[in-house]
Amino acid sequence: MEIQKIGCKELKTVLQFYREISSDLNKKGINQWDRYYPNRFIVKSDLKEGNLYGILPDHNKLVGAIVVDTNQSKKYRKLYWEDGEGSPLVIHRLAVHPLYQGKGYGKRLLQFAEEFARLNEYSSIRLDVFSVNDGAVKMYERAGYQERGTIHFPFRPAPYKCYEKIMGGN
């Protein structure tokens, strides 16, 4: 399945995708997403900016999605990043629909981001992940991402781990 840029016409599909994932995470006791995040305004901005990519085998079901851009949380400033002088790409909202988890789609989206970073000459990749989401934490660690510290977001019951991967051979 090909990863493609998702356009504004897919807004309802993407919002439904994130609602279903949020519901599944909450059932598992992973309270990282809710009706406030990711919300319609964030998703609409991702689509408008052209930063949301996904696996959309047919135009009814989004299997997985990822946002790649250069927007970093201000909270990242307090952390030590190995790539202090470069141009990092940032991953946001990487998710796989519950019906498709465990089939390698998350890893494929992560590989897409890494290839995107290489092709566009970014020096590193940064991201944050909810520390209670063990599956996501393990995926990033297995892929060679190095933990750089933790940050806290309002109304979230646990910290977020921040990771970095240096992109070699630009």
C-alpha atoms as a PDB file:
ATOM      1  CA  MET A   1       0.000   0.000   0.000  1.00  0.00           C
ATOM      2  CA  GLU A   2       1.283   3.377  -1.024  1.00  0.00           C
ATOM      3  CA  ILE A   3       1.629   6.306   1.348  1.00  0.00           C
ATOM      4  CA  GLN A   4       0.150   9.439  -0.184  1.00  0.00           C
ATOM      5  CA  LYS A   5      -0.566  13.035   0.692  1.00  0.00           C
ATOM      6  CA  ILE A   6      -4.084  13.340   2.076  1.00  0.00           C
ATOM      7  CA  GLY A   7      -6.089  16.280   0.777  1.00  0.00           C
ATOM      8  CA  CYS A   8      -8.696  18.593   2.291  1.00  0.00           C
ATOM      9  CA  LYS A   9     -11.535  16.600   0.714  1.00  0.00           C
ATOM     10  CA  GLU A  10     -10.661  13.771   3.124  1.00  0.00           C
ATOM     11  CA  LEU A  11     -11.323  15.877   6.278  1.00  0.00           C
ATOM     12  CA  LYS A  12     -14.298  13.785   7.459  1.00  0.00           C
ATOM     13  CA  THR A  13     -12.405  10.541   6.843  1.00  0.00           C
ATOM     14  CA  VAL A  14      -9.391  11.754   8.840  1.00  0.00           C
ATOM     15  CA  LEU A  15     -11.501  13.072  11.718  1.00  0.00           C
ATOM     16  CA  GLN A  16     -13.347   9.739  11.926  1.00  0.00           C
ATOM     17  CA  PHE A  17     -10.001   7.916  11.833  1.00  0.00           C
ATOM     18  CA  TYR A  18      -8.660   9.882  14.815  1.00  0.00           C
ATOM     19  CA  ARG A  19     -11.968   9.504  16.721  1.00  0.00           C
ATOM     20  CA  GLU A  20     -11.812   5.713  16.358  1.00  0.00           C
ATOM     21  CA  ILE A  21      -8.178   5.619  17.448  1.00  0.00           C
ATOM     22  CA  SER A  22      -8.858   7.901  20.436  1.00  0.00           C
ATOM     23  CA  SER A  23     -11.714   5.644  21.522  1.00  0.00           C
ATOM     24  CA  ASP A  24      -9.545   2.534  21.212  1.00  0.00           C
ATOM     25  CA  LEU A  25      -6.659   4.137  23.144  1.00  0.00           C
ATOM     26  CA  ASN A  26      -8.998   5.216  25.935  1.00  0.00           C
ATOM     27  CA  LYS A  27     -10.442   1.676  26.187  1.00  0.00           C
ATOM     28  CA  LYS A  28      -6.848   0.472  26.674  1.00  0.00           C
ATOM     29  CA  GLY A  29      -6.242   3.053  29.433  1.00  0.00           C
ATOM     30  CA  ILE A  30      -3.997   5.194  27.218  1.00  0.00           C
ATOM     31  CA  ASN A  31      -5.558   8.620  27.717  1.00  0.00           C
ATOM     32  CA  GLN A  32      -3.418  10.607  25.313  1.00  0.00           C
ATOM     33  CA  TRP A  33      -6.068  11.722  22.810  1.00  0.00           C
ATOM     34  CA  ASP A  34      -9.596  12.972  23.355  1.00  0.00           C
ATOM     35  CA  ARG A  35     -12.185  15.282  21.821  1.00  0.00           C
ATOM     36  CA  TYR A  36      -9.797  18.233  22.259  1.00  0.00           C
ATOM     37  CA  TYR A  37      -6.796  16.655  20.551  1.00  0.00           C
ATOM     38  CA  PRO A  38      -6.418  16.012  17.729  1.00  0.00           C
ATOM     39  CA  ASN A  39      -9.320  18.302  16.867  1.00  0.00           C
ATOM     40  CA  ARG A  40     -10.938  19.555  13.654  1.00  0.00           C
ATOM     41  CA  PHE A  41      -8.788  22.731  13.583  1.00  0.00           C
ATOM     42  CA  ILE A  42      -5.501  20.843  13.901  1.00  0.00           C
ATOM     43  CA  VAL A  43      -6.488  18.269  11.285  1.00  0.00           C
ATOM     44  CA  LYS A  44      -7.794  20.947   8.906  1.00  0.00           C
ATOM     45  CA  SER A  45      -4.485  22.812   9.242  1.00  0.00           C
ATOM     46  CA  ASP A  46      -2.496  19.603   8.580  1.00  0.00           C
ATOM     47  CA  LEU A  47      -4.520  19.008   5.413  1.00  0.00           C
ATOM     48  CA  LYS A  48      -4.357  22.625   4.250  1.00  0.00           C
ATOM     49  CA  GLU A  49      -0.581  22.775   4.785  1.00  0.00           C
ATOM     50  CA  GLY A  50      -0.128  19.479   2.914  1.00  0.00           C
ATOM     51  CA  ASN A  51       1.670  17.811   5.828  1.00  0.00           C
ATOM     52  CA  LEU A  52      -0.641  14.837   6.428  1.00  0.00           C
ATOM     53  CA  TYR A  53       0.192  11.588   4.669  1.00  0.00           C
ATOM     54  CA  GLY A  54      -1.630   8.329   4.914  1.00  0.00           C
ATOM     55  CA  ILE A  55      -2.335   4.833   3.775  1.00  0.00           C
ATOM     56  CA  LEU A  56      -5.726   5.038   2.095  1.00  0.00           C
ATOM     57  CA  PRO A  57      -6.346   1.820   0.137  1.00  0.00           C
ATOM     58  CA  ASP A  58      -9.793   2.976  -0.850  1.00  0.00           C
ATOM     59  CA  HIS A  59     -11.478   6.298  -0.280  1.00  0.00           C
ATOM     60  CA  ASN A  60     -13.547   5.051   2.632  1.00  0.00           C
ATOM     61  CA  LYS A  61     -11.003   3.747   5.125  1.00  0.00           C
ATOM     62  CA  LEU A  62      -7.813   5.401   6.316  1.00  0.00           C
ATOM     63  CA  VAL A  63      -5.475   2.674   7.590  1.00  0.00           C
ATOM     64  CA  GLY A  64      -2.662   4.857   8.945  1.00  0.00           C
ATOM     65  CA  ALA A  65      -1.583   8.489   9.015  1.00  0.00           C
ATOM     66  CA  ILE A  66       1.396  10.665   9.859  1.00  0.00           C
ATOM     67  CA  VAL A  67       2.090  14.390   9.891  1.00  0.00           C
ATOM     68  CA  VAL A  68       5.589  15.636   9.059  1.00  0.00           C
ATOM     69  CA  ASP A  69       6.576  19.280   9.328  1.00  0.00           C
ATOM     70  CA  THR A  70       9.024  21.551  11.152  1.00  0.00           C
ATOM     71  CA  ASN A  71       6.675  22.678  13.940  1.00  0.00           C
ATOM     72  CA  GLN A  72       8.149  21.926  17.355  1.00  0.00           C
ATOM     73  CA  SER A  73       6.484  22.385  20.714  1.00  0.00           C
ATOM     74  CA  LYS A  74       7.991  25.264  22.699  1.00  0.00           C
ATOM     75  CA  LYS A  75       8.518  22.659  25.408  1.00  0.00           C
ATOM     76  CA  TYR A  76      11.249  21.091  23.218  1.00  0.00           C
ATOM     77  CA  ARG A  77      13.501  24.090  23.963  1.00  0.00           C
ATOM     78  CA  LYS A  78      14.337  22.847  27.453  1.00  0.00           C
ATOM     79  CA  LEU A  79      15.703  19.526  26.149  1.00  0.00           C
ATOM     80  CA  TYR A  80      19.183  18.672  24.964  1.00  0.00           C
ATOM     81  CA  TRP A  81      19.052  17.648  21.321  1.00  0.00           C
ATOM     82  CA  GLU A  82      22.136  16.145  19.713  1.00  0.00           C
ATOM     83  CA  ASP A  83      21.237  18.004  16.516  1.00  0.00           C
ATOM     84  CA  GLY A  84      21.343  21.477  18.031  1.00  0.00           C
ATOM     85  CA  GLU A  85      22.286  23.386  14.877  1.00  0.00           C
ATOM     86  CA  GLY A  86      20.584  21.434  12.107  1.00  0.00           C
ATOM     87  CA  SER A  87      17.148  21.428  10.529  1.00  0.00           C
ATOM     88  CA  PRO A  88      14.943  18.800  12.168  1.00  0.00           C
ATOM     89  CA  LEU A  89      11.808  17.282  10.732  1.00  0.00           C
ATOM     90  CA  VAL A  90       9.103  16.682  13.332  1.00  0.00           C
ATOM     91  CA  ILE A  91       6.646  13.778  13.396  1.00  0.00           C
ATOM     92  CA  HIS A  92       3.141  14.361  14.755  1.00  0.00           C
ATOM     93  CA  ARG A  93       0.047  12.191  15.128  1.00  0.00           C
ATOM     94  CA  LEU A  94       1.458   8.968  13.695  1.00  0.00           C
ATOM     95  CA  ALA A  95      -1.380   6.491  14.099  1.00  0.00           C
ATOM     96  CA  VAL A  96      -2.692   3.213  12.751  1.00  0.00           C
ATOM     97  CA  HIS A  97      -6.371   2.304  12.859  1.00  0.00           C
ATOM     98  CA  PRO A  98      -7.083  -0.362  15.527  1.00  0.00           C
ATOM     99  CA  LEU A  99      -8.269  -2.891  12.908  1.00  0.00           C
ATOM    100  CA  TYR A 100      -4.876  -2.690  11.163  1.00  0.00           C
ATOM    101  CA  GLN A 101      -2.469  -2.573  14.109  1.00  0.00           C
ATOM    102  CA  GLY A 102       0.284  -5.158  14.420  1.00  0.00           C
ATOM    103  CA  LYS A 103       0.683  -5.498  10.647  1.00  0.00           C
ATOM    104  CA  GLY A 104       3.725  -3.242  10.164  1.00  0.00           C
ATOM    105  CA  TYR A 105       1.858  -0.098   9.067  1.00  0.00           C
ATOM    106  CA  GLY A 106       3.285   2.043  11.896  1.00  0.00           C
ATOM    107  CA  LYS A 107       6.802   0.969  10.972  1.00  0.00           C
ATOM    108  CA  ARG A 108       6.052   1.720   7.305  1.00  0.00           C
ATOM    109  CA  LEU A 109       4.853   5.242   8.190  1.00  0.00           C
ATOM    110  CA  LEU A 110       7.998   5.795  10.238  1.00  0.00           C
ATOM    111  CA  GLN A 111      10.151   4.630   7.327  1.00  0.00           C
ATOM    112  CA  PHE A 112       8.240   7.034   5.088  1.00  0.00           C
ATOM    113  CA  ALA A 113       9.123   9.922   7.447  1.00  0.00           C
ATOM    114  CA  GLU A 114      12.784   8.908   7.443  1.00  0.00           C
ATOM    115  CA  GLU A 115      12.879   8.742   3.654  1.00  0.00           C
ATOM    116  CA  PHE A 116      11.080  12.108   3.487  1.00  0.00           C
ATOM    117  CA  ALA A 117      13.727  13.558   5.829  1.00  0.00           C
ATOM    118  CA  ARG A 118      16.585  12.189   3.696  1.00  0.00           C
ATOM    119  CA  LEU A 119      15.106  13.359   0.392  1.00  0.00           C
ATOM    120  CA  ASN A 120      14.455  16.842   1.782  1.00  0.00           C
ATOM    121  CA  GLU A 121      17.836  17.054   3.542  1.00  0.00           C
ATOM    122  CA  TYR A 122      16.632  17.337   7.131  1.00  0.00           C
ATOM    123  CA  SER A 123      19.423  16.685   9.615  1.00  0.00           C
ATOM    124  CA  SER A 124      17.317  14.810  12.177  1.00  0.00           C
ATOM    125  CA  ILE A 125      13.834  13.718  13.153  1.00  0.00           C
ATOM    126  CA  ARG A 126      12.180  14.667  16.441  1.00  0.00           C
ATOM    127  CA  LEU A 127       8.957  13.519  18.026  1.00  0.00           C
ATOM    128  CA  ASP A 128       7.192  13.094  21.317  1.00  0.00           C
ATOM    129  CA  VAL A 129       5.175  10.080  22.394  1.00  0.00           C
ATOM    130  CA  PHE A 130       2.864   9.521  25.353  1.00  0.00           C
ATOM    131  CA  SER A 131       4.974   7.571  27.854  1.00  0.00           C
ATOM    132  CA  VAL A 132       2.088   5.202  28.707  1.00  0.00           C
ATOM    133  CA  ASN A 133       1.735   4.105  25.065  1.00  0.00           C
ATOM    134  CA  ASP A 134       4.163   1.177  25.309  1.00  0.00           C
ATOM    135  CA  GLY A 135       3.596  -0.021  21.748  1.00  0.00           C
ATOM    136  CA  ALA A 136       4.536   3.342  20.253  1.00  0.00           C
ATOM    137  CA  VAL A 137       7.499   3.810  22.623  1.00  0.00           C
ATOM    138  CA  LYS A 138       8.885   0.394  21.655  1.00  0.00           C
ATOM    139  CA  MET A 139       8.406   1.053  17.934  1.00  0.00           C
ATOM    140  CA  TYR A 140      10.488   4.246  18.081  1.00  0.00           C
ATOM    141  CA  GLU A 141      13.181   2.645  20.221  1.00  0.00           C
ATOM    142  CA  ARG A 142      13.437  -0.397  17.908  1.00  0.00           C
ATOM    143  CA  ALA A 143      13.805   2.015  14.967  1.00  0.00           C
ATOM    144  CA  GLY A 144      16.859   3.628  16.587  1.00  0.00           C
ATOM    145  CA  TYR A 145      15.342   6.773  18.077  1.00  0.00           C
ATOM    146  CA  GLN A 146      17.170   8.076  21.158  1.00  0.00           C
ATOM    147  CA  GLU A 147      15.280   9.446  24.149  1.00  0.00           C
ATOM    148  CA  ARG A 148      16.184  13.076  24.904  1.00  0.00           C
ATOM    149  CA  GLY A 149      13.961  13.722  27.921  1.00  0.00           C
ATOM    150  CA  THR A 150      10.341  14.224  28.858  1.00  0.00           C
ATOM    151  CA  ILE A 151       7.839  17.042  28.614  1.00  0.00           C
ATOM    152  CA  HIS A 152       4.378  17.540  30.075  1.00  0.00           C
ATOM    153  CA  PHE A 153       1.247  18.792  28.347  1.00  0.00           C
ATOM    154  CA  PRO A 154      -1.722  20.282  30.236  1.00  0.00           C
ATOM    155  CA  PHE A 155      -4.528  17.895  31.175  1.00  0.00           C
ATOM    156  CA  ARG A 156      -2.465  14.812  30.317  1.00  0.00           C
ATOM    157  CA  PRO A 157      -1.986  12.284  33.133  1.00  0.00           C
ATOM    158  CA  ALA A 158       1.556  11.245  32.189  1.00  0.00           C
ATOM    159  CA  PRO A 159       4.624  12.803  30.550  1.00  0.00           C
ATOM    160  CA  TYR A 160       5.606  12.533  26.913  1.00  0.00           C
ATOM    161  CA  LYS A 161       8.979  11.060  25.986  1.00  0.00           C
ATOM    162  CA  CYS A 162      10.901  13.020  23.366  1.00  0.00           C
ATOM    163  CA  TYR A 163      12.977  11.167  20.803  1.00  0.00           C
ATOM    164  CA  GLU A 164      15.503  12.103  18.152  1.00  0.00           C
ATOM    165  CA  LYS A 165      17.138  10.298  15.266  1.00  0.00           C
ATOM    166  CA  ILE A 166      20.089  11.816  13.451  1.00  0.00           C
ATOM    167  CA  MET A 167      19.828  11.452   9.699  1.00  0.00           C
ATOM    168  CA  GLY A 168      23.193  10.561   8.238  1.00  0.00           C
ATOM    169  CA  GLY A 169      24.439  10.914   4.701  1.00  0.00           C
ATOM    170  CA  ASN A 170      22.602  14.043   3.593  1.00  0.00           C
END
